[in-house]
Protein backbone atom coordinates (compact mmCIF):
# COMPACT_ATOMS: atom_id res chain seq x y z
CA UNK A 1 -13.42 -5.28 -22.20
CA UNK A 2 -10.04 -7.10 -22.21
CA UNK A 3 -8.26 -7.91 -18.92
CA UNK A 4 -4.68 -6.91 -18.94
CA UNK A 5 -2.00 -6.38 -16.25
CA UNK A 6 1.05 -4.22 -16.70
CA UNK A 7 3.78 -4.09 -14.03
CA UNK A 8 6.35 -1.67 -15.00
CA UNK A 9 9.19 -0.94 -12.50
CA UNK A 10 10.93 2.27 -13.08
CA UNK A 11 12.07 5.65 -12.03
CA UNK A 12 9.85 8.61 -12.15
CA UNK A 13 10.13 12.05 -13.52
CA UNK A 14 11.85 11.15 -16.79
CA UNK A 15 12.30 13.15 -20.00
CA UNK A 16 14.50 12.33 -22.88
CA UNK A 17 16.18 14.35 -25.60
CA UNK A 18 17.80 13.60 -28.87
CA UNK A 19 21.31 12.09 -28.50
CA UNK A 20 24.43 12.65 -30.53
CA UNK A 21 27.49 11.14 -28.96
CA UNK A 22 30.07 10.57 -31.66
CA UNK A 23 32.89 10.20 -29.13
CA UNK A 24 31.37 7.06 -27.58
CA UNK A 25 33.05 3.85 -28.38
CA UNK A 26 31.03 1.51 -30.57
CA UNK A 27 30.09 -0.89 -27.71
CA UNK A 28 28.68 1.89 -25.50
CA UNK A 29 27.00 3.67 -28.48
CA UNK A 30 25.36 0.35 -29.58
CA UNK A 31 24.15 -0.47 -26.08
CA UNK A 32 22.77 2.98 -25.57
CA UNK A 33 21.17 2.98 -28.96
CA UNK A 34 19.13 0.08 -27.91
CA UNK A 35 18.08 1.85 -24.71
CA UNK A 36 16.99 4.86 -26.71
CA UNK A 37 15.01 2.67 -29.13
CA UNK A 38 12.86 1.57 -26.22
CA UNK A 39 11.97 5.23 -25.45
CA UNK A 40 11.75 6.55 -28.95
CA UNK A 41 9.37 4.01 -30.42
CA UNK A 42 6.33 4.77 -28.32
CA UNK A 43 6.35 8.39 -29.56
CA UNK A 44 4.24 7.00 -32.45
CA UNK A 45 1.56 6.66 -29.86
CA UNK A 46 0.95 10.35 -30.14
CA UNK A 47 -0.58 9.53 -33.58
CA UNK A 48 -4.36 9.18 -33.35
CA UNK A 49 -4.17 6.06 -35.50
CA UNK A 50 -2.29 4.07 -32.87
CA UNK A 51 -4.61 1.82 -30.89
CA UNK A 52 -4.69 2.44 -27.08
CA UNK A 53 -6.42 -0.68 -25.88
CA UNK A 54 -5.68 -2.82 -22.79
CA UNK A 55 -5.26 0.13 -20.51
CA UNK A 56 -6.67 -0.14 -16.95
CA UNK A 57 -9.04 2.61 -15.75
CA UNK A 58 -10.04 3.02 -12.13
CA UNK A 59 -13.48 4.58 -11.62
CA UNK A 60 -13.95 6.21 -8.19
CA UNK A 61 -17.55 7.37 -7.32
CA UNK A 62 -19.83 6.84 -4.36
CA UNK A 63 -22.81 6.36 -6.68
CA UNK A 64 -23.10 3.12 -8.65
CA UNK A 65 -25.27 4.76 -11.35
CA UNK A 66 -22.44 7.22 -12.07
CA UNK A 67 -19.85 4.57 -12.49
CA UNK A 68 -22.21 2.67 -14.85
CA UNK A 69 -22.64 5.93 -16.92
CA UNK A 70 -18.85 6.22 -17.41
CA UNK A 71 -18.59 2.47 -18.18
CA UNK A 72 -21.26 2.92 -20.79
CA UNK A 73 -19.47 5.75 -22.41
CA UNK A 74 -16.18 3.79 -22.54
CA UNK A 75 -17.76 0.45 -23.48
CA UNK A 76 -16.56 0.65 -27.08
CA UNK A 77 -13.02 0.79 -25.89
CA UNK A 78 -11.04 -2.38 -24.97
CA UNK A 79 -10.33 -1.01 -21.49
CA UNK A 80 -10.10 -2.93 -18.24
CA UNK A 81 -12.40 -1.12 -15.80
CA UNK A 82 -11.85 -1.26 -12.07
CA UNK A 83 -14.36 0.31 -9.63
CA UNK A 84 -14.16 1.82 -6.19
CA UNK A 85 -17.04 3.36 -4.19
CA UNK A 86 -14.81 5.52 -2.11
CA UNK A 87 -11.12 6.65 -1.74
CA UNK A 88 -10.24 3.94 0.73
CA UNK A 89 -11.32 1.19 -1.76
CA UNK A 90 -9.53 3.13 -4.50
CA UNK A 91 -6.23 3.00 -2.62
CA UNK A 92 -6.69 -0.61 -2.02
CA UNK A 93 -6.91 -1.23 -5.69
CA UNK A 94 -3.93 1.06 -6.45
CA UNK A 95 -1.90 -1.11 -4.05
CA UNK A 96 -2.86 -4.38 -5.79
CA UNK A 97 -3.63 -3.64 -9.32
CA UNK A 98 -1.88 -1.82 -12.23
CA UNK A 99 -3.76 1.36 -13.09
CA UNK A 100 -3.22 3.65 -16.14
CA UNK A 101 -5.91 6.34 -15.46
CA UNK A 102 -8.01 7.34 -12.55
CA UNK A 103 -11.44 8.85 -13.21
CA UNK A 104 -12.94 10.27 -9.98
CA UNK A 105 -16.15 12.20 -9.29
CA UNK A 106 -15.52 14.47 -6.34
CA UNK A 107 -17.45 17.17 -4.50
CA UNK A 108 -15.57 20.13 -3.09
CA UNK A 109 -17.40 19.69 0.20
CA UNK A 110 -15.70 16.38 0.58
CA UNK A 111 -12.17 17.23 1.67
CA UNK A 112 -10.99 13.72 0.94
CA UNK A 113 -11.24 14.56 -2.85
CA UNK A 114 -8.36 16.98 -2.67
CA UNK A 115 -6.48 14.74 -0.47
CA UNK A 116 -7.01 11.82 -2.68
CA UNK A 117 -5.32 13.72 -5.54
CA UNK A 118 -2.40 14.79 -3.37
CA UNK A 119 -1.82 11.34 -1.94
CA UNK A 120 -1.69 9.78 -5.45
CA UNK A 121 0.74 12.31 -6.70
CA UNK A 122 2.93 12.19 -3.59
CA UNK A 123 3.53 8.40 -3.78
CA UNK A 124 6.37 7.33 -6.15
CA UNK A 125 4.42 4.30 -7.17
CA UNK A 126 1.39 6.20 -8.39
CA UNK A 127 2.48 9.79 -9.07
CA UNK A 128 2.56 9.28 -12.81
CA UNK A 129 -1.03 8.04 -12.99
CA UNK A 130 -3.08 10.81 -14.62
CA UNK A 131 -6.31 11.80 -12.75
CA UNK A 132 -9.50 12.99 -14.50
CA UNK A 133 -11.95 14.79 -12.13
CA UNK A 134 -15.58 14.90 -13.02
CA UNK A 135 -17.88 17.14 -11.12
CA UNK A 136 -21.35 18.81 -11.31
CA UNK A 137 -20.12 21.84 -9.37
CA UNK A 138 -19.39 24.95 -11.48
CA UNK A 139 -16.74 27.27 -10.33
CA UNK A 140 -13.26 28.55 -11.13
CA UNK A 141 -12.05 28.02 -7.49
CA UNK A 142 -13.09 24.41 -7.49
CA UNK A 143 -11.23 23.54 -10.71
CA UNK A 144 -8.09 25.40 -9.48
CA UNK A 145 -8.21 23.53 -6.16
CA UNK A 146 -8.22 20.07 -7.82
CA UNK A 147 -5.65 21.00 -10.43
CA UNK A 148 -3.39 22.38 -7.75
CA UNK A 149 -3.77 19.25 -5.75
CA UNK A 150 -2.62 16.95 -8.55
CA UNK A 151 -5.56 16.40 -10.91
CA UNK A 152 -4.53 16.39 -14.65
CA UNK A 153 -7.82 17.15 -16.25
CA UNK A 154 -11.29 18.43 -15.23
CA UNK A 155 -14.72 17.91 -16.77
CA UNK A 156 -17.97 19.44 -15.68
CA UNK A 157 -21.36 17.72 -16.03
CA UNK A 158 -23.41 17.31 -18.10
CA UNK A 159 -20.94 15.06 -19.84
CA UNK A 160 -20.50 14.87 -23.60
CA UNK A 161 -19.66 11.16 -24.45
CA UNK A 162 -17.44 12.12 -27.37
CA UNK A 163 -15.43 14.59 -25.23
CA UNK A 164 -15.07 12.05 -22.50
CA UNK A 165 -13.75 9.35 -24.80
CA UNK A 166 -11.31 11.80 -26.53
CA UNK A 167 -10.04 13.08 -23.22
CA UNK A 168 -9.54 9.54 -21.95
CA UNK A 169 -7.73 8.55 -25.13
CA UNK A 170 -5.41 11.55 -24.97
CA UNK A 171 -4.52 10.89 -21.25
CA UNK A 172 -3.81 7.27 -21.82
CA UNK A 173 -1.72 8.08 -24.93
CA UNK A 174 0.44 10.34 -22.85
CA UNK A 175 0.66 7.79 -20.01
CA UNK A 176 1.90 5.28 -22.61
CA UNK A 177 4.74 7.56 -23.58
CA UNK A 178 5.67 8.17 -19.96
CA UNK A 179 5.63 4.44 -19.22
CA UNK A 180 8.09 3.80 -22.15
CA UNK A 181 10.44 6.46 -20.98
CA UNK A 182 10.40 4.93 -17.51
CA UNK A 183 11.34 1.65 -19.21
CA UNK A 184 14.24 3.29 -20.97
CA UNK A 185 15.74 4.61 -17.65
CA UNK A 186 15.03 1.21 -16.00
CA UNK A 187 17.04 -0.43 -18.76
CA UNK A 188 19.92 1.93 -18.02
CA UNK A 189 19.91 1.11 -14.30
CA UNK A 190 19.62 -2.63 -15.10
CA UNK A 191 22.60 -2.35 -17.45
CA UNK A 192 24.58 -0.66 -14.60
CA UNK A 193 23.80 -3.46 -12.17
CA UNK A 194 24.67 -6.13 -14.72
CA UNK A 195 28.14 -4.54 -15.43
CA UNK A 196 28.79 -4.61 -11.66
CA UNK A 197 27.68 -8.29 -11.35
CA UNK A 198 30.12 -9.24 -14.01
CA UNK A 199 32.91 -8.80 -11.48
CA UNK A 200 32.26 -11.16 -8.54
CA UNK A 201 34.66 -9.16 -6.26
CA UNK A 202 32.49 -5.98 -6.42
CA UNK A 203 29.13 -7.76 -5.91
CA UNK A 204 26.55 -5.34 -4.21
CA UNK A 205 29.16 -2.57 -4.40
CA UNK A 206 26.45 -0.26 -5.94
CA UNK A 207 23.94 -1.07 -3.28
CA UNK A 208 26.45 -0.34 -0.54
CA UNK A 209 27.76 2.77 -2.14
CA UNK A 210 24.18 4.19 -2.59
CA UNK A 211 23.52 3.57 1.16
CA UNK A 212 26.76 5.20 2.23
CA UNK A 213 26.21 8.22 -0.03
CA UNK A 214 22.70 8.81 1.06
CA UNK A 215 23.56 8.43 4.68
CA UNK A 216 26.23 11.06 4.34
CA UNK A 217 23.85 13.22 2.42
CA UNK A 218 21.28 12.93 5.21
CA UNK A 219 23.91 13.63 7.81
CA UNK A 220 24.61 16.93 5.85
CA UNK A 221 20.93 17.75 5.71
CA UNK A 222 20.70 17.68 1.93
CA UNK A 223 17.23 17.96 0.26
CA UNK A 224 15.41 14.95 -1.08
CA UNK A 225 16.35 15.66 -4.70
CA UNK A 226 20.13 15.48 -3.80
CA UNK A 227 19.48 12.21 -1.91
CA UNK A 228 17.88 10.72 -4.83
CA UNK A 229 20.75 11.90 -7.14
CA UNK A 230 23.19 10.25 -4.74
CA UNK A 231 21.20 7.00 -4.74
CA UNK A 232 21.14 6.95 -8.51
CA UNK A 233 24.77 7.88 -8.74
CA UNK A 234 25.58 4.86 -6.55
CA UNK A 235 24.34 2.68 -9.27
CA UNK A 236 25.38 4.69 -12.38
CA UNK A 237 28.75 6.12 -11.35
CA UNK A 238 30.78 3.45 -13.20
CA UNK A 239 28.32 2.76 -16.10
CA UNK A 240 31.03 4.12 -18.48
CA UNK A 241 32.90 0.87 -17.91
CA UNK A 242 30.69 -0.63 -20.51
CA UNK A 243 33.11 1.05 -22.92
CA UNK A 244 36.18 -0.36 -21.36
CA UNK A 245 37.62 -3.58 -23.03
CA UNK A 246 37.45 -6.61 -20.65
CA UNK A 247 41.24 -7.14 -21.09
CA UNK A 248 41.79 -3.85 -19.29
CA UNK A 249 38.83 -3.92 -17.00
CA UNK A 250 39.62 -7.29 -15.49
CA UNK A 251 43.39 -7.32 -15.88
CA UNK A 252 45.35 -8.84 -12.98
CA UNK A 253 48.18 -6.58 -12.20
CA UNK A 254 49.03 -2.94 -12.87
CA UNK A 255 47.86 -1.14 -15.97
CA UNK A 256 50.34 0.38 -18.20
CA UNK A 257 50.10 4.09 -19.20
CA UNK A 258 47.94 3.56 -22.24
CA UNK A 259 45.65 1.13 -20.42
CA UNK A 260 45.25 3.51 -17.59
CA UNK A 261 44.27 6.30 -19.97
CA UNK A 262 41.49 4.02 -21.37
CA UNK A 263 40.34 3.16 -17.80
CA UNK A 264 40.17 6.80 -16.87
CA UNK A 265 37.96 7.52 -19.81
CA UNK A 266 34.95 5.58 -18.12
CA UNK A 267 34.13 8.77 -16.24
CA UNK A 268 33.35 11.08 -19.29
CA UNK A 269 32.03 8.08 -21.36
CA UNK A 270 29.62 7.30 -18.53
CA UNK A 271 28.48 10.99 -18.52
CA UNK A 272 27.85 10.80 -22.28
CA UNK A 273 25.79 7.60 -21.93
CA UNK A 274 23.58 9.14 -19.35
CA UNK A 275 23.36 12.70 -20.66
CA UNK A 276 20.37 12.17 -23.02
CA UNK A 277 18.25 11.30 -19.94
CA UNK A 278 17.22 14.76 -18.69
CA UNK A 279 16.03 13.32 -15.37
CA UNK A 280 19.59 12.24 -14.74
CA UNK A 281 21.00 15.73 -15.12
CA UNK A 282 21.72 15.98 -11.32
CA UNK A 283 23.70 12.68 -11.55
CA UNK A 284 25.99 13.67 -14.42
CA UNK A 285 28.57 15.55 -12.19
CA UNK A 286 28.79 12.43 -9.89
CA UNK A 287 29.48 10.17 -12.85
CA UNK A 288 32.02 12.40 -14.43
CA UNK A 289 33.92 13.77 -11.39
CA UNK A 290 33.87 11.14 -8.75
CA UNK A 291 37.59 10.66 -9.26
CA UNK A 292 38.68 14.17 -8.90
CA UNK A 293 40.99 15.18 -5.95
CA UNK A 294 40.72 18.14 -3.64
CA UNK A 295 44.18 19.36 -4.71
CA UNK A 296 43.43 19.14 -8.42
CA UNK A 297 45.51 16.02 -9.26
CA UNK A 298 42.43 13.81 -9.96
CA UNK A 299 40.71 13.07 -13.35
CA UNK A 300 39.17 13.67 -15.82
CA UNK A 301 39.01 17.49 -15.43
CA UNK A 302 41.59 18.22 -12.84
CA UNK A 303 39.11 20.14 -10.68
CA UNK A 304 40.18 21.23 -7.17
CA UNK A 305 38.52 22.35 -3.97
CA UNK A 306 34.95 23.37 -4.04
CA UNK A 307 34.88 23.36 -7.83
CA UNK A 308 34.42 19.72 -7.49
CA UNK A 309 30.68 19.16 -7.26
CA UNK A 310 29.50 18.41 -3.70
CA UNK A 311 27.62 15.30 -4.64
CA UNK A 312 30.74 13.96 -6.41
CA UNK A 313 32.84 14.43 -3.24
CA UNK A 314 30.21 12.67 -1.27
CA UNK A 315 30.10 9.65 -3.34
CA UNK A 316 33.86 9.59 -3.67
CA UNK A 317 34.26 9.15 -0.01
CA UNK A 318 31.67 6.44 0.08
CA UNK A 319 33.41 4.68 -2.88
CA UNK A 320 36.80 4.79 -1.19
CA UNK A 321 35.38 3.43 2.15
CA UNK A 322 33.57 0.62 0.50
CA UNK A 323 36.62 -0.30 -1.62
CA UNK A 324 38.82 -0.33 1.56
CA UNK A 325 36.46 -2.45 3.68
CA UNK A 326 35.75 -4.99 0.86
CA UNK A 327 37.98 -7.97 0.19
CA UNK A 328 39.58 -8.18 -3.21
CA UNK A 329 41.82 -10.76 -4.91
CA UNK A 330 44.82 -8.53 -4.24
CA UNK A 331 44.02 -7.54 -0.66
CA UNK A 332 42.05 -8.43 2.40
CA UNK A 333 39.29 -6.20 3.69
CA UNK A 334 40.38 -3.39 5.96
CA UNK A 335 38.53 -2.80 9.17
CA UNK A 336 36.26 0.23 9.46
CA UNK A 337 38.80 1.81 11.80
CA UNK A 338 41.71 1.23 9.38
CA UNK A 339 39.60 2.56 6.48
CA UNK A 340 38.68 5.75 8.45
CA UNK A 341 42.36 6.26 9.24
CA UNK A 342 43.32 6.00 5.60
CA UNK A 343 40.61 8.39 4.55
CA UNK A 344 41.85 10.92 7.19
CA UNK A 345 45.36 10.43 5.97
CA UNK A 346 44.38 11.21 2.41
CA UNK A 347 42.39 14.21 3.50
CA UNK A 348 45.64 15.37 5.24
CA UNK A 349 47.61 14.80 1.99
CA UNK A 350 45.21 17.14 0.20
CA UNK A 351 43.39 14.57 -1.80
CA UNK A 352 39.92 14.71 -0.13
CA UNK A 353 37.74 17.44 1.12
CA UNK A 354 38.88 17.73 4.77
CA UNK A 355 35.63 19.05 6.22
CA UNK A 356 33.54 16.43 4.34
CA UNK A 357 35.97 13.70 5.30
CA UNK A 358 35.65 14.74 8.95
CA UNK A 359 31.82 14.41 8.89
CA UNK A 360 32.02 11.08 7.00
CA UNK A 361 34.46 9.58 9.50
CA UNK A 362 32.28 10.72 12.41
CA UNK A 363 29.32 9.14 10.79
CA UNK A 364 31.03 5.84 10.24
CA UNK A 365 32.31 5.89 13.82
CA UNK A 366 28.70 6.24 15.08
CA UNK A 367 27.61 2.93 16.72
CA UNK A 368 24.28 3.22 15.09
CA UNK A 369 25.76 3.71 11.65
CA UNK A 370 25.01 0.09 10.41
CA UNK A 371 21.39 0.49 11.68
CA UNK A 372 20.95 3.75 9.82
CA UNK A 373 22.33 2.32 6.58
CA UNK A 374 20.16 -0.73 6.79
CA UNK A 375 17.08 1.45 6.94
CA UNK A 376 17.68 2.40 3.30
CA UNK A 377 17.15 -1.13 2.10
CA UNK A 378 14.32 -2.49 4.02
CA UNK A 379 10.92 -1.16 5.17
CA UNK A 380 11.28 0.22 8.69
CA UNK A 381 9.55 2.49 11.06
CA UNK A 382 10.27 5.55 8.91
CA UNK A 383 8.72 4.33 5.77
CA UNK A 384 7.50 7.68 4.59
CA UNK A 385 10.90 9.23 4.66
CA UNK A 386 12.63 6.47 2.80
CA UNK A 387 9.70 5.31 0.48
CA UNK A 388 11.21 6.64 -2.74
CA UNK A 389 14.65 5.04 -2.08
CA UNK A 390 13.01 1.74 -0.97
CA UNK A 391 10.82 1.70 -4.03
CA UNK A 392 13.72 2.27 -6.37
CA UNK A 393 15.83 -0.42 -4.67
CA UNK A 394 13.08 -2.98 -5.05
CA UNK A 395 12.68 -2.13 -8.69
CA UNK A 396 16.43 -2.49 -9.37
CA UNK A 397 16.63 -5.70 -7.37
CA UNK A 398 13.87 -7.16 -9.52
CA UNK A 399 15.56 -6.11 -12.72
CA UNK A 400 18.84 -7.54 -11.65
CA UNK A 401 17.34 -10.95 -10.81
CA UNK A 402 15.62 -11.11 -14.16
CA UNK A 403 18.75 -10.20 -16.06
CA UNK A 404 21.08 -12.54 -14.18
CA UNK A 405 18.87 -15.63 -14.39
């Protein structure tokens, strides 16, 4: 059996659909075409003629002879087999080794079996790993319990070697497609980070914007899916700038009317770039509408009041605050107090959501605000609550380092 390691950073829960964006400029369409190519190619893996070697399979069983039996059934395949005598050893391996499939023999009397499945599926790092449960216990209730806990497939002994091999092959083929889709979204995030890094004055803007947005979202009691959308929006909100010519994007001085029209187009172009990624659907309003104004004088759609999506309004305030408190070639950084005063003034002018601006300003004035924001970027005491955000940040940071070498 071959030994092979895969370490694929990425974002979970991804689907992709066909794309047709004739309005995109050639640069954006070409760049995104390359991203889609990475996702489209692996669909050929659904063909039975495509080899599925070099996958890592983790066998979890208390009995050595049972593990040997499964290894014997799979010995003809070029798989890398890992073994664990119990769930604790299995989690140790999942922490340290890349795994493409878990095959576990569990008894219903052992409650750790159901918890084992739940724990794998609740962890962002392992939730996409398929689980095949093997048991000698008959019964509808047993099968339902495991499937409900996160198991993907269920086989009852006595095992038929041909069925085991076919089931393993199918599960690995589907896992390969999921991995490639993760890579496509990863490329998109890496592209956004790289666009930001081109402008030295806005370095780490996306990271700070993600932290501010999620902090406000948590202060408002938003659900986890909205927090994740805000985090992604922090990185992807300006991805449409890939379609903006450098002469306009980095122009020193005021833009003329035609140039400003081109610059404003980054909102809807960014939405078009990300629209084919179904998992990014909650982020699309952030990308398109983060420059709208409460009184309807913003762009690109002239939305007003609560017709502006809430997540767009949240990220907008974070974007303004970070821009004000960051140094630029044309201005020095404003103090937090000055930035808050300017946001309150704009809310009074009718540009910003007054109630949301009030909550944001109260959050920024909180003496513990910096500490709360820092918790989003480093493992702290509340690791469970922020695990998904921390995992995504680590992945993006790694991609950025590789791209910017």
